Structure formats: structure tokens, C-alpha cells
């Protein structure tokens, strides 16, 4: 069974004289109005971004954060703060890497030089999973516990009143890429997307481990 999400979007014009606006996106469960947290929403249009250096650390045999959003060209450290070793890997098209069994800090950070969705796993602890969302836009955000995110916009982003948004969630049927929708910013709009049912962690990671071991 699949769950439909309704994404309600409203364009709020700024009171400032500059050509600025804000796009407020609310993500709720269809028919229930239950807010959906941690949906990543971003403009499907390149803009100037500044790479950063950040980290995904391992603690209590889990990745922190579970979802990391970074601009393309950024570096990510993977410090191990557990008292056991980890083996971090990804075979996603946007970034493939393999940090073999280690404790402490790996020698070098990982460069994420291509946009896309990168799924992480640990070859020692099957339940561990995380995602890195790598983008070429600074118009991006993640819904809060109220299911809302406000995206800073410029009217030059929609010269013909239409914009294209990417929406990604870990439970998309194909979570290797976002779904894409074109929005008329002059009208509130609902975007409906399919989500797979929430699976037990062990079941979902068993599939990831099988793919890794078949490489």
C-alpha cells in the first residue's frame, strides 16, 4: 500500500521593494492533515552555491544526522565516536566510496562533487543508514515537525510564473532521486507523491546489504 502526500504551496510576496519572495511549503498526509517532517524541497534550477566542510558522525551505532543537505563540491568527514569499528560505504551513482573498517577519524574527508541522492550504509552494522542530498541550488530546505519549510526566492526564479520543484523523502518508492513537479506560483497548489510504507529497519537495510555484497 502506498501513502499519498499532499504538498500545499503558497507564494507570499515580500513587503520589501526588492524582487524577493518566499515560498512556503507545507507537507501533510493526504486526507489526514498530519504534518510530515523531513521532506526535502528544493528548486530545480542551478544557482551560485558555496561548498562547505561538515560531518556525519557515528554514535550509538547510528549515523548523525540521518539526512544531510549539502551544496555540490562539499567535503564530509565521517568520525567514528563509537567504541566499535565501522565500515562506511556508498554505491550511489552520485558518489561511490568505501571507508573500510576503522575507528576514530578517517585520513581524508569525502568530496561530494556531483548532485544527487547518496545513500550510506555500514557493512558491519546492517541497521545503519543515512542519506546525503547534494544540490546545485541554495533554494532548499527541509520540513519541520509542523510539516513546513520556507524557501527564500527571487522573482527572477519564475519569470513566467512557473517554477519546478524537487521533493525528496527517504520513503519515496525510488528514493535514489527526487520527484519533480512544475508549479504555478500565482495559485496555491497541491503536489501528490507516493510514499512506500514505513518498513522495519532490519528489513530495509537487508536489501541495502545484499546490494553491497553483490558489487
N, C-alpha and C. Protein backbone atom coordinates (compact mmCIF):
# COMPACT_ATOMS: atom_id res chain seq x y z
N UNK A 1 0.85 -1.19 0.00
CA UNK A 1 0.00 0.00 0.00
C UNK A 1 0.88 1.23 0.00
N UNK A 2 0.51 2.25 -0.74
CA UNK A 2 1.26 3.49 -0.81
C UNK A 2 0.48 4.60 -0.13
N UNK A 3 1.21 5.56 0.38
CA UNK A 3 0.62 6.71 1.06
C UNK A 3 0.79 7.91 0.17
N UNK A 4 -0.27 8.67 0.00
CA UNK A 4 -0.20 9.88 -0.80
C UNK A 4 0.04 11.07 0.10
N UNK A 5 0.92 11.94 -0.33
CA UNK A 5 1.18 13.18 0.39
C UNK A 5 0.61 14.34 -0.41
N UNK A 6 0.03 15.26 0.28
CA UNK A 6 -0.40 16.50 -0.36
C UNK A 6 0.56 17.58 0.08
N UNK A 7 1.16 18.27 -0.88
CA UNK A 7 2.09 19.35 -0.59
C UNK A 7 1.42 20.64 -0.97
N UNK A 8 1.11 21.44 0.01
CA UNK A 8 0.41 22.70 -0.22
C UNK A 8 1.42 23.82 -0.29
N UNK A 9 1.37 24.59 -1.37
CA UNK A 9 2.34 25.65 -1.59
C UNK A 9 1.64 26.98 -1.74
N UNK A 10 2.17 28.00 -1.08
CA UNK A 10 1.64 29.35 -1.19
C UNK A 10 2.78 30.32 -1.39
N UNK A 11 2.68 31.18 -2.38
CA UNK A 11 3.70 32.18 -2.63
C UNK A 11 3.34 33.45 -1.89
N UNK A 12 4.22 33.88 -0.98
CA UNK A 12 3.99 35.07 -0.18
C UNK A 12 4.94 36.16 -0.65
N UNK A 13 4.41 37.26 -1.19
CA UNK A 13 5.24 38.34 -1.69
C UNK A 13 5.82 39.14 -0.53
N UNK A 14 7.07 39.48 -0.63
CA UNK A 14 7.73 40.26 0.41
C UNK A 14 7.24 41.70 0.35
N UNK A 15 7.26 42.35 1.53
CA UNK A 15 6.90 43.77 1.59
C UNK A 15 8.09 44.65 1.23
N UNK A 16 9.27 44.07 1.08
CA UNK A 16 10.46 44.83 0.71
C UNK A 16 10.38 45.22 -0.76
N UNK A 17 11.00 46.34 -1.14
CA UNK A 17 10.94 46.78 -2.53
C UNK A 17 11.74 45.91 -3.47
N UNK A 18 12.66 45.09 -2.95
CA UNK A 18 13.45 44.22 -3.81
C UNK A 18 12.56 43.15 -4.43
N UNK A 19 13.09 42.52 -5.49
CA UNK A 19 12.33 41.48 -6.17
C UNK A 19 12.48 40.17 -5.40
N UNK A 20 11.95 40.15 -4.20
CA UNK A 20 12.11 38.99 -3.33
C UNK A 20 10.76 38.41 -2.96
N UNK A 21 10.75 37.14 -2.66
CA UNK A 21 9.52 36.48 -2.23
C UNK A 21 9.90 35.27 -1.40
N UNK A 22 8.92 34.67 -0.79
CA UNK A 22 9.13 33.45 -0.03
C UNK A 22 8.10 32.42 -0.47
N UNK A 23 8.55 31.21 -0.63
CA UNK A 23 7.66 30.11 -0.97
C UNK A 23 7.49 29.24 0.26
N UNK A 24 6.29 29.23 0.82
CA UNK A 24 6.01 28.42 1.99
C UNK A 24 5.41 27.09 1.55
N UNK A 25 6.05 26.02 1.95
CA UNK A 25 5.62 24.69 1.56
C UNK A 25 5.20 23.93 2.81
N UNK A 26 4.00 23.39 2.78
CA UNK A 26 3.51 22.56 3.88
C UNK A 26 3.24 21.16 3.36
N UNK A 27 3.83 20.19 4.00
CA UNK A 27 3.67 18.80 3.59
C UNK A 27 2.83 18.08 4.64
N UNK A 28 1.73 17.48 4.19
CA UNK A 28 0.84 16.76 5.11
C UNK A 28 0.45 15.43 4.49
N UNK A 29 0.04 14.51 5.34
CA UNK A 29 -0.51 13.25 4.86
C UNK A 29 -1.86 13.50 4.20
N UNK A 30 -2.05 12.97 3.04
CA UNK A 30 -3.27 13.19 2.28
C UNK A 30 -4.50 12.70 3.05
N UNK A 31 -5.48 13.60 3.20
CA UNK A 31 -6.72 13.23 3.85
C UNK A 31 -6.69 13.26 5.35
N UNK A 32 -5.50 13.42 5.94
CA UNK A 32 -5.38 13.40 7.39
C UNK A 32 -4.88 14.73 7.95
N UNK A 33 -4.26 15.53 7.11
CA UNK A 33 -3.67 16.81 7.52
C UNK A 33 -2.63 16.63 8.60
N UNK A 34 -2.03 15.44 8.63
CA UNK A 34 -0.95 15.18 9.57
C UNK A 34 0.36 15.71 8.97
N UNK A 35 1.07 16.59 9.67
CA UNK A 35 2.31 17.14 9.10
C UNK A 35 3.37 16.07 8.90
N UNK A 36 4.12 16.22 7.84
CA UNK A 36 5.21 15.29 7.51
C UNK A 36 6.53 16.02 7.67
N UNK A 37 7.34 15.56 8.57
CA UNK A 37 8.65 16.17 8.80
C UNK A 37 9.70 15.55 7.89
N UNK A 38 10.78 16.30 7.68
CA UNK A 38 11.98 15.81 6.99
C UNK A 38 11.78 15.50 5.51
N UNK A 39 10.83 16.17 4.87
CA UNK A 39 10.75 16.14 3.42
C UNK A 39 11.65 17.25 2.89
N UNK A 40 12.53 16.93 1.96
CA UNK A 40 13.46 17.91 1.41
C UNK A 40 12.83 18.51 0.15
N UNK A 41 12.74 19.84 0.11
CA UNK A 41 12.11 20.55 -1.00
C UNK A 41 13.12 21.56 -1.54
N UNK A 42 13.35 21.54 -2.86
CA UNK A 42 14.32 22.49 -3.41
C UNK A 42 14.03 22.80 -4.86
N UNK A 43 14.52 23.98 -5.27
CA UNK A 43 14.28 24.48 -6.61
C UNK A 43 15.10 23.69 -7.62
N UNK A 44 14.45 23.30 -8.71
CA UNK A 44 15.14 22.57 -9.77
C UNK A 44 15.76 23.56 -10.75
N UNK A 45 16.73 24.33 -10.22
CA UNK A 45 17.40 25.35 -11.03
C UNK A 45 18.72 25.67 -10.35
N UNK A 46 19.79 25.67 -11.13
CA UNK A 46 21.10 25.93 -10.57
C UNK A 46 21.24 27.37 -10.10
N UNK A 47 21.97 27.55 -9.02
CA UNK A 47 22.31 28.88 -8.53
C UNK A 47 23.71 28.82 -7.95
N UNK A 48 24.24 29.97 -7.58
CA UNK A 48 25.58 30.03 -7.02
C UNK A 48 25.56 29.47 -5.60
N UNK A 49 26.36 28.47 -5.34
CA UNK A 49 26.43 27.88 -4.00
C UNK A 49 27.88 27.87 -3.52
N UNK A 50 28.04 27.83 -2.23
CA UNK A 50 29.37 27.80 -1.62
C UNK A 50 29.59 26.46 -0.94
N UNK A 51 30.55 25.67 -1.39
CA UNK A 51 30.82 24.37 -0.74
C UNK A 51 31.19 24.55 0.72
N UNK A 52 30.91 23.54 1.50
CA UNK A 52 31.21 23.57 2.93
C UNK A 52 31.97 22.30 3.31
N UNK A 53 32.50 22.29 4.51
CA UNK A 53 33.04 21.07 5.10
C UNK A 53 32.22 20.78 6.35
N UNK A 54 31.68 19.58 6.42
CA UNK A 54 30.81 19.21 7.54
C UNK A 54 31.05 17.75 7.89
N UNK A 55 30.17 17.15 8.67
CA UNK A 55 30.40 15.78 9.07
C UNK A 55 29.10 15.01 9.25
N UNK A 56 29.23 13.70 9.10
CA UNK A 56 28.23 12.74 9.55
C UNK A 56 28.97 11.81 10.50
N UNK A 57 28.64 11.87 11.77
CA UNK A 57 29.37 11.06 12.73
C UNK A 57 28.57 9.82 13.11
N UNK A 58 29.26 8.85 13.64
CA UNK A 58 28.65 7.60 14.08
C UNK A 58 28.69 7.52 15.59
N UNK A 59 27.51 7.35 16.17
CA UNK A 59 27.39 7.26 17.62
C UNK A 59 26.22 6.36 17.94
N UNK A 60 26.41 5.48 18.93
CA UNK A 60 25.38 4.51 19.32
C UNK A 60 24.94 3.69 18.11
N UNK A 61 25.90 3.39 17.25
CA UNK A 61 25.67 2.56 16.06
C UNK A 61 24.59 3.14 15.16
N UNK A 62 24.67 4.45 14.97
CA UNK A 62 23.76 5.15 14.07
C UNK A 62 24.51 6.32 13.46
N UNK A 63 24.04 6.75 12.26
CA UNK A 63 24.59 7.93 11.62
C UNK A 63 23.85 9.17 12.12
N UNK A 64 24.60 10.24 12.34
CA UNK A 64 24.03 11.52 12.76
C UNK A 64 24.62 12.63 11.90
N UNK A 65 23.79 13.38 11.15
CA UNK A 65 22.33 13.24 11.02
C UNK A 65 21.95 12.10 10.07
N UNK A 66 20.68 11.75 10.12
CA UNK A 66 20.17 10.71 9.22
C UNK A 66 20.10 11.23 7.78
N UNK A 67 19.78 12.51 7.61
CA UNK A 67 19.74 13.16 6.30
C UNK A 67 20.57 14.43 6.37
N UNK A 68 21.57 14.54 5.49
CA UNK A 68 22.42 15.73 5.42
C UNK A 68 22.22 16.40 4.07
N UNK A 69 22.02 17.73 4.07
CA UNK A 69 21.85 18.51 2.85
C UNK A 69 23.10 19.37 2.66
N UNK A 70 23.75 19.23 1.49
CA UNK A 70 24.97 19.99 1.23
C UNK A 70 25.00 20.47 -0.22
N UNK A 71 25.71 21.59 -0.48
CA UNK A 71 25.91 22.02 -1.87
C UNK A 71 27.00 21.17 -2.53
N UNK A 72 26.92 21.05 -3.84
CA UNK A 72 27.90 20.27 -4.58
C UNK A 72 29.29 20.86 -4.36
N UNK A 73 30.29 19.99 -4.31
CA UNK A 73 31.65 20.42 -4.05
C UNK A 73 32.04 20.41 -2.59
N UNK A 74 31.13 19.99 -1.72
CA UNK A 74 31.40 19.98 -0.28
C UNK A 74 32.15 18.72 0.13
N UNK A 75 32.85 18.84 1.26
CA UNK A 75 33.55 17.71 1.86
C UNK A 75 32.80 17.27 3.12
N UNK A 76 32.77 15.96 3.35
CA UNK A 76 32.12 15.42 4.54
C UNK A 76 33.09 14.50 5.28
N UNK A 77 33.29 14.76 6.56
CA UNK A 77 34.06 13.89 7.44
C UNK A 77 33.13 12.82 8.02
N UNK A 78 33.69 11.67 8.36
CA UNK A 78 32.91 10.58 8.93
C UNK A 78 33.56 10.09 10.23
N UNK A 79 33.60 10.92 11.27
CA UNK A 79 34.22 10.49 12.53
C UNK A 79 33.41 9.38 13.20
N UNK A 80 34.15 8.41 13.72
CA UNK A 80 33.55 7.30 14.45
C UNK A 80 33.67 7.59 15.94
N UNK A 81 32.55 7.89 16.59
CA UNK A 81 32.55 8.20 18.02
C UNK A 81 31.99 7.05 18.85
N UNK A 82 31.95 5.89 18.24
CA UNK A 82 31.54 4.68 18.95
C UNK A 82 32.77 3.98 19.52
N UNK A 83 32.52 2.99 20.35
CA UNK A 83 33.62 2.18 20.88
C UNK A 83 33.76 0.89 20.07
N UNK A 84 33.21 0.89 18.88
CA UNK A 84 33.35 -0.23 17.95
C UNK A 84 33.70 0.32 16.57
N UNK A 85 34.28 -0.49 15.73
CA UNK A 85 34.66 -0.04 14.40
C UNK A 85 33.46 -0.04 13.44
N UNK A 86 33.57 0.79 12.41
CA UNK A 86 32.54 0.85 11.37
C UNK A 86 33.19 0.75 9.99
N UNK A 87 32.38 0.39 9.01
CA UNK A 87 32.82 0.29 7.61
C UNK A 87 31.76 1.02 6.78
N UNK A 88 32.05 2.29 6.47
CA UNK A 88 31.07 3.16 5.82
C UNK A 88 31.24 3.08 4.30
N UNK A 89 30.13 3.00 3.59
CA UNK A 89 30.20 2.88 2.15
C UNK A 89 28.99 3.51 1.48
N UNK A 90 29.13 3.77 0.18
CA UNK A 90 28.02 4.16 -0.68
C UNK A 90 28.33 3.66 -2.09
N UNK A 91 27.32 3.15 -2.76
CA UNK A 91 27.48 2.82 -4.17
C UNK A 91 26.47 3.59 -5.01
N UNK A 92 25.98 4.72 -4.49
CA UNK A 92 25.05 5.56 -5.24
C UNK A 92 25.77 6.19 -6.44
N UNK A 93 25.06 6.37 -7.58
CA UNK A 93 25.70 6.98 -8.75
C UNK A 93 26.29 8.36 -8.48
N UNK A 94 25.65 9.14 -7.61
CA UNK A 94 26.15 10.48 -7.33
C UNK A 94 27.47 10.46 -6.55
N UNK A 95 27.73 9.39 -5.81
CA UNK A 95 29.00 9.26 -5.10
C UNK A 95 29.18 7.83 -4.63
N UNK A 96 30.22 7.20 -5.12
CA UNK A 96 30.59 5.85 -4.69
C UNK A 96 31.88 5.94 -3.89
N UNK A 97 31.89 5.37 -2.68
CA UNK A 97 33.11 5.34 -1.89
C UNK A 97 33.03 4.21 -0.88
N UNK A 98 34.18 3.90 -0.28
CA UNK A 98 34.26 2.78 0.64
C UNK A 98 35.33 3.09 1.68
N UNK A 99 34.90 3.37 2.92
CA UNK A 99 35.85 3.60 4.02
C UNK A 99 35.88 2.31 4.83
N UNK A 100 36.92 1.54 4.61
CA UNK A 100 36.99 0.22 5.24
C UNK A 100 37.11 0.34 6.76
N UNK A 101 36.94 -0.78 7.41
CA UNK A 101 36.84 -0.87 8.86
C UNK A 101 37.81 0.08 9.57
N UNK A 102 37.25 0.97 10.43
CA UNK A 102 38.10 1.97 11.07
C UNK A 102 37.48 2.42 12.39
N UNK A 103 38.32 3.03 13.21
CA UNK A 103 37.91 3.72 14.43
C UNK A 103 38.46 5.14 14.37
N UNK A 104 37.85 6.05 15.13
CA UNK A 104 38.34 7.41 15.14
C UNK A 104 37.99 8.17 13.87
N UNK A 105 38.95 8.89 13.29
CA UNK A 105 38.71 9.74 12.12
C UNK A 105 39.42 9.17 10.90
N UNK A 106 38.71 8.98 9.79
CA UNK A 106 39.39 8.57 8.56
C UNK A 106 40.43 9.61 8.14
N UNK A 107 41.40 9.17 7.34
CA UNK A 107 42.51 10.06 6.97
C UNK A 107 42.05 11.27 6.17
N UNK A 108 41.11 11.08 5.26
CA UNK A 108 40.67 12.18 4.40
C UNK A 108 39.15 12.25 4.35
N UNK A 109 38.58 13.45 4.22
CA UNK A 109 37.13 13.57 4.04
C UNK A 109 36.73 13.13 2.64
N UNK A 110 35.45 12.95 2.44
CA UNK A 110 34.91 12.53 1.15
C UNK A 110 34.38 13.77 0.42
N UNK A 111 34.80 13.94 -0.83
CA UNK A 111 34.33 15.04 -1.67
C UNK A 111 33.07 14.60 -2.40
N UNK A 112 31.99 15.38 -2.25
CA UNK A 112 30.74 15.13 -2.97
C UNK A 112 30.67 16.12 -4.13
N UNK A 113 31.13 15.67 -5.29
CA UNK A 113 31.34 16.56 -6.42
C UNK A 113 30.27 16.45 -7.50
N UNK A 114 29.22 15.68 -7.24
CA UNK A 114 28.12 15.54 -8.19
C UNK A 114 26.79 15.69 -7.45
N UNK A 115 25.80 16.37 -8.05
CA UNK A 115 24.49 16.47 -7.39
C UNK A 115 23.77 15.13 -7.43
N UNK A 116 22.93 14.91 -6.44
CA UNK A 116 22.15 13.68 -6.40
C UNK A 116 21.90 13.22 -4.98
N UNK A 117 21.28 12.06 -4.86
CA UNK A 117 20.98 11.46 -3.56
C UNK A 117 21.97 10.34 -3.30
N UNK A 118 22.67 10.41 -2.18
CA UNK A 118 23.69 9.43 -1.83
C UNK A 118 23.22 8.66 -0.59
N UNK A 119 23.09 7.35 -0.73
CA UNK A 119 22.67 6.50 0.38
C UNK A 119 23.89 5.88 1.03
N UNK A 120 23.95 5.96 2.37
CA UNK A 120 25.08 5.43 3.12
C UNK A 120 24.67 4.20 3.92
N UNK A 121 25.63 3.30 4.09
CA UNK A 121 25.41 2.14 4.93
C UNK A 121 26.69 1.78 5.66
N UNK A 122 26.59 0.86 6.59
CA UNK A 122 27.74 0.31 7.30
C UNK A 122 27.76 -1.20 7.07
N UNK A 123 28.88 -1.71 6.56
CA UNK A 123 28.95 -3.12 6.23
C UNK A 123 29.12 -4.02 7.46
N UNK A 124 29.25 -3.41 8.63
CA UNK A 124 29.37 -4.17 9.86
C UNK A 124 28.03 -4.21 10.60
N UNK A 125 27.32 -3.08 10.60
CA UNK A 125 26.06 -2.97 11.32
C UNK A 125 24.94 -2.72 10.30
N UNK A 126 24.20 -3.77 10.02
CA UNK A 126 23.24 -3.75 8.92
C UNK A 126 22.14 -2.70 9.08
N UNK A 127 21.83 -2.32 10.32
CA UNK A 127 20.71 -1.40 10.53
C UNK A 127 21.08 0.06 10.26
N UNK A 128 22.36 0.37 10.11
CA UNK A 128 22.78 1.76 9.96
C UNK A 128 22.53 2.26 8.54
N UNK A 129 21.92 3.44 8.44
CA UNK A 129 21.57 4.02 7.15
C UNK A 129 21.51 5.53 7.27
N UNK A 130 21.93 6.24 6.23
CA UNK A 130 21.82 7.69 6.18
C UNK A 130 21.80 8.12 4.72
N UNK A 131 21.46 9.39 4.48
CA UNK A 131 21.38 9.94 3.13
C UNK A 131 22.06 11.29 3.09
N UNK A 132 22.71 11.58 1.95
CA UNK A 132 23.26 12.90 1.68
C UNK A 132 22.57 13.43 0.43
N UNK A 133 21.94 14.60 0.56
CA UNK A 133 21.28 15.26 -0.56
C UNK A 133 22.23 16.34 -1.05
N UNK A 134 22.77 16.16 -2.25
CA UNK A 134 23.76 17.07 -2.81
C UNK A 134 23.09 17.87 -3.93
N UNK A 135 23.12 19.20 -3.85
CA UNK A 135 22.39 20.01 -4.82
C UNK A 135 23.26 21.14 -5.37
N UNK A 136 22.76 21.73 -6.46
CA UNK A 136 23.40 22.91 -7.06
C UNK A 136 22.59 24.18 -6.81
N UNK A 137 21.70 24.16 -5.84
CA UNK A 137 20.87 25.33 -5.55
C UNK A 137 20.93 25.69 -4.08
N UNK A 138 20.79 26.99 -3.79
CA UNK A 138 20.71 27.42 -2.40
C UNK A 138 19.26 27.63 -1.97
N UNK A 139 18.32 27.38 -2.88
CA UNK A 139 16.89 27.46 -2.55
C UNK A 139 16.44 26.06 -2.15
N UNK A 140 16.67 25.72 -0.91
CA UNK A 140 16.43 24.36 -0.44
C UNK A 140 16.13 24.38 1.05
N UNK A 141 15.32 23.47 1.50
CA UNK A 141 15.01 23.36 2.92
C UNK A 141 14.36 22.03 3.23
N UNK A 142 14.16 21.80 4.52
CA UNK A 142 13.58 20.55 4.98
C UNK A 142 12.41 20.88 5.90
N UNK A 143 11.31 20.18 5.73
CA UNK A 143 10.13 20.46 6.53
C UNK A 143 10.39 20.17 8.00
N UNK A 144 9.80 21.01 8.85
CA UNK A 144 9.96 20.85 10.29
C UNK A 144 8.88 19.92 10.84
N UNK A 145 8.76 19.89 12.16
CA UNK A 145 7.78 18.99 12.78
C UNK A 145 6.35 19.38 12.45
N UNK A 146 6.16 20.62 12.00
CA UNK A 146 4.83 21.07 11.55
C UNK A 146 4.61 20.81 10.07
N UNK A 147 5.58 20.18 9.43
CA UNK A 147 5.45 19.89 8.00
C UNK A 147 5.68 21.09 7.11
N UNK A 148 6.36 22.13 7.62
CA UNK A 148 6.52 23.36 6.86
C UNK A 148 7.99 23.68 6.61
N UNK A 149 8.22 24.34 5.47
CA UNK A 149 9.52 24.90 5.15
C UNK A 149 9.29 26.17 4.35
N UNK A 150 10.09 27.19 4.60
CA UNK A 150 10.01 28.45 3.85
C UNK A 150 11.27 28.58 3.00
N UNK A 151 11.09 28.68 1.69
CA UNK A 151 12.20 28.80 0.77
C UNK A 151 12.39 30.26 0.35
N UNK A 152 13.57 30.82 0.53
CA UNK A 152 13.82 32.18 0.03
C UNK A 152 13.90 32.14 -1.49
N UNK A 153 13.18 33.05 -2.13
CA UNK A 153 13.09 33.05 -3.59
C UNK A 153 13.38 34.44 -4.12
N UNK A 154 13.60 34.51 -5.42
CA UNK A 154 13.71 35.77 -6.15
C UNK A 154 12.75 35.66 -7.33
N UNK A 155 12.10 36.76 -7.66
CA UNK A 155 11.12 36.69 -8.74
C UNK A 155 11.75 36.31 -10.07
N UNK A 156 13.07 36.47 -10.18
CA UNK A 156 13.73 36.02 -11.41
C UNK A 156 13.75 34.50 -11.52
N UNK A 157 13.46 33.81 -10.41
CA UNK A 157 13.38 32.35 -10.45
C UNK A 157 12.14 31.88 -11.21
N UNK A 158 11.13 32.76 -11.33
CA UNK A 158 9.89 32.37 -12.01
C UNK A 158 9.43 33.50 -12.93
N UNK A 159 10.20 33.82 -13.99
CA UNK A 159 9.83 34.94 -14.85
C UNK A 159 8.51 34.75 -15.57
N UNK A 160 8.09 33.49 -15.76
CA UNK A 160 6.81 33.22 -16.43
C UNK A 160 5.77 32.69 -15.44
N UNK A 161 6.03 32.89 -14.12
CA UNK A 161 5.13 32.47 -13.03
C UNK A 161 5.14 30.97 -12.79
N UNK A 162 6.06 30.27 -13.39
CA UNK A 162 6.16 28.83 -13.15
C UNK A 162 7.55 28.50 -12.63
N UNK A 163 7.59 27.58 -11.67
CA UNK A 163 8.86 27.04 -11.19
C UNK A 163 8.74 25.53 -11.11
N UNK A 164 9.89 24.89 -11.12
CA UNK A 164 9.93 23.44 -10.95
C UNK A 164 10.59 23.12 -9.62
N UNK A 165 9.92 22.32 -8.82
CA UNK A 165 10.42 21.92 -7.51
C UNK A 165 10.79 20.45 -7.50
N UNK A 166 11.85 20.14 -6.77
CA UNK A 166 12.18 18.76 -6.45
C UNK A 166 11.72 18.47 -5.03
N UNK A 167 11.13 17.32 -4.82
CA UNK A 167 10.71 16.90 -3.48
C UNK A 167 11.25 15.50 -3.25
N UNK A 168 11.97 15.34 -2.12
CA UNK A 168 12.58 14.05 -1.82
C UNK A 168 12.28 13.66 -0.38
N UNK A 169 12.09 12.36 -0.20
CA UNK A 169 11.86 11.80 1.13
C UNK A 169 12.46 10.40 1.14
N UNK A 170 13.02 9.94 2.27
CA UNK A 170 13.62 8.61 2.29
C UNK A 170 12.68 7.48 1.89
N UNK A 171 11.35 7.70 2.01
CA UNK A 171 10.41 6.63 1.71
C UNK A 171 9.75 6.77 0.34
N UNK A 172 10.31 7.57 -0.55
CA UNK A 172 9.83 7.54 -1.92
C UNK A 172 10.01 6.13 -2.48
N UNK A 173 9.11 5.68 -3.35
CA UNK A 173 9.28 4.35 -3.95
C UNK A 173 10.66 4.17 -4.59
N UNK A 174 11.16 5.22 -5.22
CA UNK A 174 12.54 5.24 -5.72
C UNK A 174 13.23 6.41 -5.04
N UNK A 175 13.86 6.13 -3.90
CA UNK A 175 14.47 7.22 -3.12
C UNK A 175 15.88 7.56 -3.58
N UNK A 176 16.26 7.07 -4.78
CA UNK A 176 17.55 7.45 -5.34
C UNK A 176 17.48 8.79 -6.05
N UNK A 177 16.28 9.35 -6.19
CA UNK A 177 16.12 10.64 -6.86
C UNK A 177 14.84 11.30 -6.37
N UNK A 178 14.75 12.63 -6.49
CA UNK A 178 13.52 13.32 -6.08
C UNK A 178 12.45 13.20 -7.15
N UNK A 179 11.21 13.48 -6.77
CA UNK A 179 10.15 13.66 -7.75
C UNK A 179 10.16 15.13 -8.15
N UNK A 180 9.74 15.41 -9.38
CA UNK A 180 9.79 16.76 -9.92
C UNK A 180 8.40 17.21 -10.33
N UNK A 181 8.03 18.42 -9.93
CA UNK A 181 6.72 18.97 -10.28
C UNK A 181 6.88 20.43 -10.70
N UNK A 182 6.10 20.85 -11.68
CA UNK A 182 6.06 22.24 -12.11
C UNK A 182 4.89 22.94 -11.44
N UNK A 183 5.16 24.11 -10.84
CA UNK A 183 4.18 24.82 -10.02
C UNK A 183 3.89 26.20 -10.61
N UNK A 184 2.62 26.56 -10.65
CA UNK A 184 2.20 27.92 -10.98
C UNK A 184 2.20 28.71 -9.68
N UNK A 185 3.15 29.64 -9.53
CA UNK A 185 3.31 30.33 -8.26
C UNK A 185 2.19 31.33 -7.99
N UNK A 186 1.34 31.59 -8.96
CA UNK A 186 0.23 32.52 -8.75
C UNK A 186 -0.91 31.88 -7.98
N UNK A 187 -0.90 30.57 -7.86
CA UNK A 187 -2.00 29.86 -7.20
C UNK A 187 -1.45 28.87 -6.18
N UNK A 188 -2.14 28.71 -5.06
CA UNK A 188 -1.79 27.61 -4.16
C UNK A 188 -1.90 26.29 -4.92
N UNK A 189 -1.02 25.38 -4.64
CA UNK A 189 -1.01 24.11 -5.39
C UNK A 189 -0.79 22.95 -4.45
N UNK A 190 -1.32 21.81 -4.80
CA UNK A 190 -1.09 20.57 -4.08
C UNK A 190 -0.28 19.64 -4.97
N UNK A 191 0.78 19.08 -4.40
CA UNK A 191 1.56 18.07 -5.11
C UNK A 191 1.35 16.75 -4.39
N UNK A 192 0.94 15.76 -5.12
CA UNK A 192 0.71 14.44 -4.53
C UNK A 192 1.83 13.49 -4.95
N UNK A 193 2.47 12.90 -3.95
CA UNK A 193 3.54 11.95 -4.24
C UNK A 193 3.29 10.66 -3.47
N UNK A 194 3.79 9.57 -4.02
CA UNK A 194 3.65 8.26 -3.38
C UNK A 194 4.80 8.02 -2.42
N UNK A 195 4.49 7.47 -1.26
CA UNK A 195 5.50 7.02 -0.31
C UNK A 195 5.26 5.55 0.00
N UNK A 196 6.34 4.81 0.07
CA UNK A 196 6.23 3.41 0.48
C UNK A 196 5.92 3.35 1.97
N UNK A 197 5.26 2.30 2.43
CA UNK A 197 5.00 2.16 3.87
C UNK A 197 6.31 2.10 4.63
N UNK A 198 6.26 2.56 5.86
CA UNK A 198 7.46 2.52 6.69
C UNK A 198 7.80 1.07 7.00
N UNK A 199 9.06 0.70 6.73
CA UNK A 199 9.49 -0.67 6.93
C UNK A 199 10.29 -0.80 8.21
N UNK A 200 10.35 -2.04 8.70
CA UNK A 200 11.24 -2.29 9.82
C UNK A 200 12.66 -2.03 9.36
N UNK A 201 13.48 -1.44 10.23
CA UNK A 201 14.83 -1.05 9.85
C UNK A 201 15.63 -2.24 9.35
N UNK A 202 15.52 -3.36 10.01
CA UNK A 202 16.31 -4.52 9.61
C UNK A 202 15.95 -4.97 8.21
N UNK A 203 14.65 -4.92 7.86
CA UNK A 203 14.22 -5.36 6.54
C UNK A 203 14.77 -4.45 5.45
N UNK A 204 14.66 -3.13 5.64
CA UNK A 204 15.12 -2.19 4.61
C UNK A 204 16.63 -2.27 4.45
N UNK A 205 17.37 -2.44 5.54
CA UNK A 205 18.81 -2.48 5.44
C UNK A 205 19.30 -3.81 4.89
N UNK A 206 18.53 -4.87 5.04
CA UNK A 206 18.92 -6.16 4.47
C UNK A 206 19.06 -6.04 2.95
N UNK A 207 18.14 -5.28 2.32
CA UNK A 207 18.22 -5.08 0.87
C UNK A 207 19.47 -4.31 0.50
N UNK A 208 19.81 -3.27 1.29
CA UNK A 208 21.00 -2.48 1.03
C UNK A 208 22.25 -3.33 1.17
N UNK A 209 22.31 -4.16 2.20
CA UNK A 209 23.46 -5.02 2.41
C UNK A 209 23.63 -6.02 1.26
N UNK A 210 22.53 -6.57 0.77
CA UNK A 210 22.60 -7.51 -0.35
C UNK A 210 23.19 -6.84 -1.58
N UNK A 211 22.76 -5.57 -1.85
CA UNK A 211 23.28 -4.86 -3.00
C UNK A 211 24.79 -4.62 -2.83
N UNK A 212 25.22 -4.28 -1.62
CA UNK A 212 26.63 -4.01 -1.38
C UNK A 212 27.46 -5.28 -1.60
N UNK A 213 26.99 -6.40 -1.09
CA UNK A 213 27.76 -7.64 -1.18
C UNK A 213 27.77 -8.23 -2.58
N UNK A 214 26.85 -7.76 -3.44
CA UNK A 214 26.83 -8.22 -4.82
C UNK A 214 27.71 -7.38 -5.75
N UNK A 215 28.32 -6.31 -5.20
CA UNK A 215 29.18 -5.46 -6.02
C UNK A 215 30.39 -6.23 -6.52
